[in-house]
Amino acid sequence: MEGAIAAYRRALQLFPEYAEVKNNLGNLLARGGKTEEAIRLLEEAIQLRPDYAVAHNNLGTVLGRVGKS
């Protein structure tokens, strides 16, 4: 998983406005227990693409896990 996280971080440096990268990295970080960073990235993905239903769903899932629903 660390290799994937590193790859997504690199992609984010190259394409900071790419909501899908923020969403995917947020999901990986959430699975790794880094929920605060995951929440931030998922919220940024939604800011970039307010209609991005997958990011909304993923954010809700993470918030539900940490009791912030």
PDB file of N, CA and C in Angstrom:
ATOM      1  N   MET A   1       0.823  -1.195   0.000  1.00  0.00           N
ATOM      2  CA  MET A   1       0.000   0.000   0.000  1.00  0.00           C
ATOM      3  C   MET A   1       0.868   1.260   0.000  1.00  0.00           C
ATOM      4  N   GLU A   2       2.039   1.200   0.606  1.00  0.00           N
ATOM      5  CA  GLU A   2       2.901   2.384   0.662  1.00  0.00           C
ATOM      6  C   GLU A   2       3.352   2.818  -0.726  1.00  0.00           C
ATOM      7  N   GLY A   3       3.577   1.855  -1.607  1.00  0.00           N
ATOM      8  CA  GLY A   3       3.964   2.192  -2.974  1.00  0.00           C
ATOM      9  C   GLY A   3       2.856   2.938  -3.701  1.00  0.00           C
ATOM     10  N   ALA A   4       1.629   2.498  -3.501  1.00  0.00           N
ATOM     11  CA  ALA A   4       0.484   3.162  -4.128  1.00  0.00           C
ATOM     12  C   ALA A   4       0.308   4.567  -3.566  1.00  0.00           C
ATOM     13  N   ILE A   5       0.470   4.706  -2.265  1.00  0.00           N
ATOM     14  CA  ILE A   5       0.353   6.029  -1.640  1.00  0.00           C
ATOM     15  C   ILE A   5       1.407   6.972  -2.216  1.00  0.00           C
ATOM     16  N   ALA A   6       2.635   6.480  -2.346  1.00  0.00           N
ATOM     17  CA  ALA A   6       3.713   7.309  -2.901  1.00  0.00           C
ATOM     18  C   ALA A   6       3.400   7.714  -4.338  1.00  0.00           C
ATOM     19  N   ALA A   7       2.862   6.785  -5.111  1.00  0.00           N
ATOM     20  CA  ALA A   7       2.521   7.089  -6.504  1.00  0.00           C
ATOM     21  C   ALA A   7       1.414   8.145  -6.583  1.00  0.00           C
ATOM     22  N   TYR A   8       0.403   8.018  -5.735  1.00  0.00           N
ATOM     23  CA  TYR A   8      -0.671   9.013  -5.739  1.00  0.00           C
ATOM     24  C   TYR A   8      -0.173  10.367  -5.253  1.00  0.00           C
ATOM     25  N   ARG A   9       0.724  10.375  -4.277  1.00  0.00           N
ATOM     26  CA  ARG A   9       1.280  11.654  -3.821  1.00  0.00           C
ATOM     27  C   ARG A   9       2.047  12.333  -4.957  1.00  0.00           C
ATOM     28  N   ARG A  10       2.781  11.551  -5.726  1.00  0.00           N
ATOM     29  CA  ARG A  10       3.528  12.096  -6.863  1.00  0.00           C
ATOM     30  C   ARG A  10       2.552  12.626  -7.922  1.00  0.00           C
ATOM     31  N   ALA A  11       1.512  11.864  -8.196  1.00  0.00           N
ATOM     32  CA  ALA A  11       0.508  12.298  -9.163  1.00  0.00           C
ATOM     33  C   ALA A  11      -0.155  13.598  -8.702  1.00  0.00           C
ATOM     34  N   LEU A  12      -0.364  13.725  -7.413  1.00  0.00           N
ATOM     35  CA  LEU A  12      -0.979  14.934  -6.863  1.00  0.00           C
ATOM     36  C   LEU A  12      -0.059  16.143  -7.030  1.00  0.00           C
ATOM     37  N   GLN A  13       1.250  15.913  -6.926  1.00  0.00           N
ATOM     38  CA  GLN A  13       2.187  17.005  -7.171  1.00  0.00           C
ATOM     39  C   GLN A  13       2.116  17.466  -8.623  1.00  0.00           C
ATOM     40  N   LEU A  14       1.950  16.515  -9.529  1.00  0.00           N
ATOM     41  CA  LEU A  14       1.901  16.835 -10.953  1.00  0.00           C
ATOM     42  C   LEU A  14       0.550  17.416 -11.370  1.00  0.00           C
ATOM     43  N   PHE A  15      -0.520  16.923 -10.748  1.00  0.00           N
ATOM     44  CA  PHE A  15      -1.884  17.312 -11.122  1.00  0.00           C
ATOM     45  C   PHE A  15      -2.703  17.661  -9.880  1.00  0.00           C
ATOM     46  N   PRO A  16      -2.413  18.793  -9.251  1.00  0.00           N
ATOM     47  CA  PRO A  16      -3.074  19.135  -7.979  1.00  0.00           C
ATOM     48  C   PRO A  16      -4.576  19.399  -8.101  1.00  0.00           C
ATOM     49  N   GLU A  17      -5.069  19.604  -9.290  1.00  0.00           N
ATOM     50  CA  GLU A  17      -6.497  19.882  -9.478  1.00  0.00           C
ATOM     51  C   GLU A  17      -7.268  18.659  -9.953  1.00  0.00           C
ATOM     52  N   TYR A  18      -6.692  17.491  -9.823  1.00  0.00           N
ATOM     53  CA  TYR A  18      -7.300  16.259 -10.310  1.00  0.00           C
ATOM     54  C   TYR A  18      -8.051  15.586  -9.156  1.00  0.00           C
ATOM     55  N   ALA A  19      -9.361  15.753  -9.148  1.00  0.00           N
ATOM     56  CA  ALA A  19     -10.188  15.280  -8.031  1.00  0.00           C
ATOM     57  C   ALA A  19     -10.082  13.769  -7.832  1.00  0.00           C
ATOM     58  N   GLU A  20      -9.934  13.023  -8.907  1.00  0.00           N
ATOM     59  CA  GLU A  20      -9.863  11.573  -8.793  1.00  0.00           C
ATOM     60  C   GLU A  20      -8.629  11.123  -8.018  1.00  0.00           C
ATOM     61  N   VAL A  21      -7.522  11.824  -8.204  1.00  0.00           N
ATOM     62  CA  VAL A  21      -6.300  11.487  -7.463  1.00  0.00           C
ATOM     63  C   VAL A  21      -6.516  11.754  -5.976  1.00  0.00           C
ATOM     64  N   LYS A  22      -7.113  12.891  -5.648  1.00  0.00           N
ATOM     65  CA  LYS A  22      -7.376  13.207  -4.241  1.00  0.00           C
ATOM     66  C   LYS A  22      -8.317  12.173  -3.622  1.00  0.00           C
ATOM     67  N   ASN A  23      -9.329  11.763  -4.362  1.00  0.00           N
ATOM     68  CA  ASN A  23     -10.257  10.758  -3.882  1.00  0.00           C
ATOM     69  C   ASN A  23      -9.546   9.429  -3.626  1.00  0.00           C
ATOM     70  N   ASN A  24      -8.778   8.976  -4.600  1.00  0.00           N
ATOM     71  CA  ASN A  24      -8.107   7.683  -4.465  1.00  0.00           C
ATOM     72  C   ASN A  24      -7.073   7.686  -3.345  1.00  0.00           C
ATOM     73  N   LEU A  25      -6.310   8.759  -3.249  1.00  0.00           N
ATOM     74  CA  LEU A  25      -5.328   8.864  -2.162  1.00  0.00           C
ATOM     75  C   LEU A  25      -6.049   8.928  -0.821  1.00  0.00           C
ATOM     76  N   GLY A  26      -7.132   9.674  -0.760  1.00  0.00           N
ATOM     77  CA  GLY A  26      -7.902   9.730   0.479  1.00  0.00           C
ATOM     78  C   GLY A  26      -8.391   8.365   0.911  1.00  0.00           C
ATOM     79  N   ASN A  27      -8.850   7.567  -0.024  1.00  0.00           N
ATOM     80  CA  ASN A  27      -9.301   6.212   0.308  1.00  0.00           C
ATOM     81  C   ASN A  27      -8.171   5.360   0.853  1.00  0.00           C
ATOM     82  N   LEU A  28      -7.018   5.410   0.215  1.00  0.00           N
ATOM     83  CA  LEU A  28      -5.880   4.626   0.694  1.00  0.00           C
ATOM     84  C   LEU A  28      -5.458   5.068   2.095  1.00  0.00           C
ATOM     85  N   LEU A  29      -5.414   6.374   2.309  1.00  0.00           N
ATOM     86  CA  LEU A  29      -5.015   6.876   3.628  1.00  0.00           C
ATOM     87  C   LEU A  29      -6.028   6.480   4.699  1.00  0.00           C
ATOM     88  N   ALA A  30      -7.303   6.520   4.354  1.00  0.00           N
ATOM     89  CA  ALA A  30      -8.332   6.118   5.314  1.00  0.00           C
ATOM     90  C   ALA A  30      -8.150   4.651   5.697  1.00  0.00           C
ATOM     91  N   ARG A  31      -7.866   3.801   4.720  1.00  0.00           N
ATOM     92  CA  ARG A  31      -7.637   2.380   5.023  1.00  0.00           C
ATOM     93  C   ARG A  31      -6.406   2.190   5.894  1.00  0.00           C
ATOM     94  N   GLY A  32      -5.450   3.107   5.769  1.00  0.00           N
ATOM     95  CA  GLY A  32      -4.236   3.027   6.570  1.00  0.00           C
ATOM     96  C   GLY A  32      -4.345   3.731   7.912  1.00  0.00           C
ATOM     97  N   GLY A  33      -5.534   4.240   8.254  1.00  0.00           N
ATOM     98  CA  GLY A  33      -5.743   4.863   9.550  1.00  0.00           C
ATOM     99  C   GLY A  33      -5.411   6.339   9.611  1.00  0.00           C
ATOM    100  N   LYS A  34      -5.079   6.949   8.491  1.00  0.00           N
ATOM    101  CA  LYS A  34      -4.753   8.380   8.468  1.00  0.00           C
ATOM    102  C   LYS A  34      -6.011   9.158   8.096  1.00  0.00           C
ATOM    103  N   THR A  35      -6.981   9.126   9.005  1.00  0.00           N
ATOM    104  CA  THR A  35      -8.314   9.631   8.677  1.00  0.00           C
ATOM    105  C   THR A  35      -8.368  11.150   8.496  1.00  0.00           C
ATOM    106  N   GLU A  36      -7.639  11.901   9.264  1.00  0.00           N
ATOM    107  CA  GLU A  36      -7.716  13.366   9.146  1.00  0.00           C
ATOM    108  C   GLU A  36      -7.225  13.821   7.774  1.00  0.00           C
ATOM    109  N   GLU A  37      -6.115  13.263   7.325  1.00  0.00           N
ATOM    110  CA  GLU A  37      -5.612  13.614   5.998  1.00  0.00           C
ATOM    111  C   GLU A  37      -6.571  13.109   4.918  1.00  0.00           C
ATOM    112  N   ALA A  38      -7.127  11.928   5.125  1.00  0.00           N
ATOM    113  CA  ALA A  38      -8.090  11.375   4.176  1.00  0.00           C
ATOM    114  C   ALA A  38      -9.305  12.276   4.045  1.00  0.00           C
ATOM    115  N   ILE A  39      -9.833  12.729   5.157  1.00  0.00           N
ATOM    116  CA  ILE A  39     -10.998  13.620   5.149  1.00  0.00           C
ATOM    117  C   ILE A  39     -10.670  14.904   4.391  1.00  0.00           C
ATOM    118  N   ARG A  40      -9.516  15.469   4.664  1.00  0.00           N
ATOM    119  CA  ARG A  40      -9.115  16.708   3.987  1.00  0.00           C
ATOM    120  C   ARG A  40      -9.055  16.504   2.473  1.00  0.00           C
ATOM    121  N   LEU A  41      -8.445  15.415   2.035  1.00  0.00           N
ATOM    122  CA  LEU A  41      -8.323  15.161   0.602  1.00  0.00           C
ATOM    123  C   LEU A  41      -9.681  14.910  -0.052  1.00  0.00           C
ATOM    124  N   LEU A  42     -10.534  14.178   0.623  1.00  0.00           N
ATOM    125  CA  LEU A  42     -11.865  13.914   0.069  1.00  0.00           C
ATOM    126  C   LEU A  42     -12.679  15.203  -0.021  1.00  0.00           C
ATOM    127  N   GLU A  43     -12.554  16.052   0.978  1.00  0.00           N
ATOM    128  CA  GLU A  43     -13.241  17.350   0.925  1.00  0.00           C
ATOM    129  C   GLU A  43     -12.701  18.208  -0.219  1.00  0.00           C
ATOM    130  N   GLU A  44     -11.393  18.157  -0.448  1.00  0.00           N
ATOM    131  CA  GLU A  44     -10.798  18.900  -1.560  1.00  0.00           C
ATOM    132  C   GLU A  44     -11.293  18.359  -2.897  1.00  0.00           C
ATOM    133  N   ALA A  45     -11.427  17.046  -3.001  1.00  0.00           N
ATOM    134  CA  ALA A  45     -11.941  16.448  -4.235  1.00  0.00           C
ATOM    135  C   ALA A  45     -13.351  16.962  -4.513  1.00  0.00           C
ATOM    136  N   ILE A  46     -14.150  17.055  -3.477  1.00  0.00           N
ATOM    137  CA  ILE A  46     -15.523  17.542  -3.629  1.00  0.00           C
ATOM    138  C   ILE A  46     -15.539  19.026  -3.987  1.00  0.00           C
ATOM    139  N   GLN A  47     -14.627  19.798  -3.434  1.00  0.00           N
ATOM    140  CA  GLN A  47     -14.548  21.219  -3.797  1.00  0.00           C
ATOM    141  C   GLN A  47     -14.210  21.376  -5.277  1.00  0.00           C
ATOM    142  N   LEU A  48     -13.330  20.512  -5.759  1.00  0.00           N
ATOM    143  CA  LEU A  48     -12.959  20.577  -7.166  1.00  0.00           C
ATOM    144  C   LEU A  48     -14.094  20.132  -8.077  1.00  0.00           C
ATOM    145  N   ARG A  49     -14.816  19.108  -7.643  1.00  0.00           N
ATOM    146  CA  ARG A  49     -15.917  18.552  -8.440  1.00  0.00           C
ATOM    147  C   ARG A  49     -17.113  18.304  -7.537  1.00  0.00           C
ATOM    148  N   PRO A  50     -17.932  19.316  -7.302  1.00  0.00           N
ATOM    149  CA  PRO A  50     -19.074  19.177  -6.393  1.00  0.00           C
ATOM    150  C   PRO A  50     -20.043  18.067  -6.782  1.00  0.00           C
ATOM    151  N   ASP A  51     -20.049  17.670  -8.034  1.00  0.00           N
ATOM    152  CA  ASP A  51     -20.950  16.605  -8.494  1.00  0.00           C
ATOM    153  C   ASP A  51     -20.312  15.214  -8.417  1.00  0.00           C
ATOM    154  N   TYR A  52     -19.157  15.095  -7.821  1.00  0.00           N
ATOM    155  CA  TYR A  52     -18.406  13.830  -7.766  1.00  0.00           C
ATOM    156  C   TYR A  52     -19.002  12.934  -6.677  1.00  0.00           C
ATOM    157  N   ALA A  53     -19.989  12.150  -7.066  1.00  0.00           N
ATOM    158  CA  ALA A  53     -20.747  11.320  -6.117  1.00  0.00           C
ATOM    159  C   ALA A  53     -19.861  10.319  -5.391  1.00  0.00           C
ATOM    160  N   VAL A  54     -18.877   9.764  -6.064  1.00  0.00           N
ATOM    161  CA  VAL A  54     -17.992   8.781  -5.437  1.00  0.00           C
ATOM    162  C   VAL A  54     -17.248   9.405  -4.264  1.00  0.00           C
ATOM    163  N   ALA A  55     -16.754  10.626  -4.444  1.00  0.00           N
ATOM    164  CA  ALA A  55     -16.039  11.302  -3.359  1.00  0.00           C
ATOM    165  C   ALA A  55     -16.976  11.615  -2.197  1.00  0.00           C
ATOM    166  N   HIS A  56     -18.210  12.019  -2.494  1.00  0.00           N
ATOM    167  CA  HIS A  56     -19.196  12.260  -1.433  1.00  0.00           C
ATOM    168  C   HIS A  56     -19.431  10.976  -0.639  1.00  0.00           C
ATOM    169  N   ASN A  57     -19.601   9.876  -1.347  1.00  0.00           N
ATOM    170  CA  ASN A  57     -19.824   8.596  -0.686  1.00  0.00           C
ATOM    171  C   ASN A  57     -18.627   8.205   0.172  1.00  0.00           C
ATOM    172  N   ASN A  58     -17.436   8.345  -0.374  1.00  0.00           N
ATOM    173  CA  ASN A  58     -16.228   7.970   0.367  1.00  0.00           C
ATOM    174  C   ASN A  58     -16.038   8.850   1.603  1.00  0.00           C
ATOM    175  N   LEU A  59     -16.314  10.137   1.469  1.00  0.00           N
ATOM    176  CA  LEU A  59     -16.212  11.030   2.624  1.00  0.00           C
ATOM    177  C   LEU A  59     -17.211  10.612   3.696  1.00  0.00           C
ATOM    178  N   GLY A  60     -18.435  10.321   3.296  1.00  0.00           N
ATOM    179  CA  GLY A  60     -19.433   9.871   4.269  1.00  0.00           C
ATOM    180  C   GLY A  60     -19.022   8.605   4.977  1.00  0.00           C
ATOM    181  N   THR A  61     -18.411   7.701   4.246  1.00  0.00           N
ATOM    182  CA  THR A  61     -17.949   6.444   4.843  1.00  0.00           C
ATOM    183  C   THR A  61     -16.879   6.711   5.889  1.00  0.00           C
ATOM    184  N   VAL A  62     -15.901   7.542   5.543  1.00  0.00           N
ATOM    185  CA  VAL A  62     -14.810   7.848   6.481  1.00  0.00           C
ATOM    186  C   VAL A  62     -15.350   8.585   7.697  1.00  0.00           C
ATOM    187  N   LEU A  63     -16.205   9.569   7.467  1.00  0.00           N
ATOM    188  CA  LEU A  63     -16.756  10.311   8.604  1.00  0.00           C
ATOM    189  C   LEU A  63     -17.579   9.405   9.511  1.00  0.00           C
ATOM    190  N   GLY A  64     -18.318   8.491   8.929  1.00  0.00           N
ATOM    191  CA  GLY A  64     -19.099   7.551   9.717  1.00  0.00           C
ATOM    192  C   GLY A  64     -18.218   6.655  10.578  1.00  0.00           C
ATOM    193  N   ARG A  65     -17.081   6.260  10.031  1.00  0.00           N
ATOM    194  CA  ARG A  65     -16.151   5.396  10.781  1.00  0.00           C
ATOM    195  C   ARG A  65     -15.581   6.103  12.004  1.00  0.00           C
ATOM    196  N   VAL A  66     -15.366   7.401  11.878  1.00  0.00           N
ATOM    197  CA  VAL A  66     -14.759   8.135  12.999  1.00  0.00           C
ATOM    198  C   VAL A  66     -15.797   8.870  13.839  1.00  0.00           C
ATOM    199  N   GLY A  67     -17.067   8.638  13.536  1.00  0.00           N
ATOM    200  CA  GLY A  67     -18.140   9.218  14.341  1.00  0.00           C
ATOM    201  C   GLY A  67     -18.376  10.688  14.103  1.00  0.00           C
ATOM    202  N   LYS A  68     -18.103  11.168  12.882  1.00  0.00           N
ATOM    203  CA  LYS A  68     -18.297  12.586  12.568  1.00  0.00           C
ATOM    204  C   LYS A  68     -19.414  12.774  11.550  1.00  0.00           C
ATOM    205  N   SER A  69     -20.356  11.884  11.517  1.00  0.00           N
ATOM    206  CA  SER A  69     -21.424  11.971  10.509  1.00  0.00           C
ATOM    207  C   SER A  69     -22.356  13.050  10.845  1.00  0.00           C
TER     208      SER A  69
END
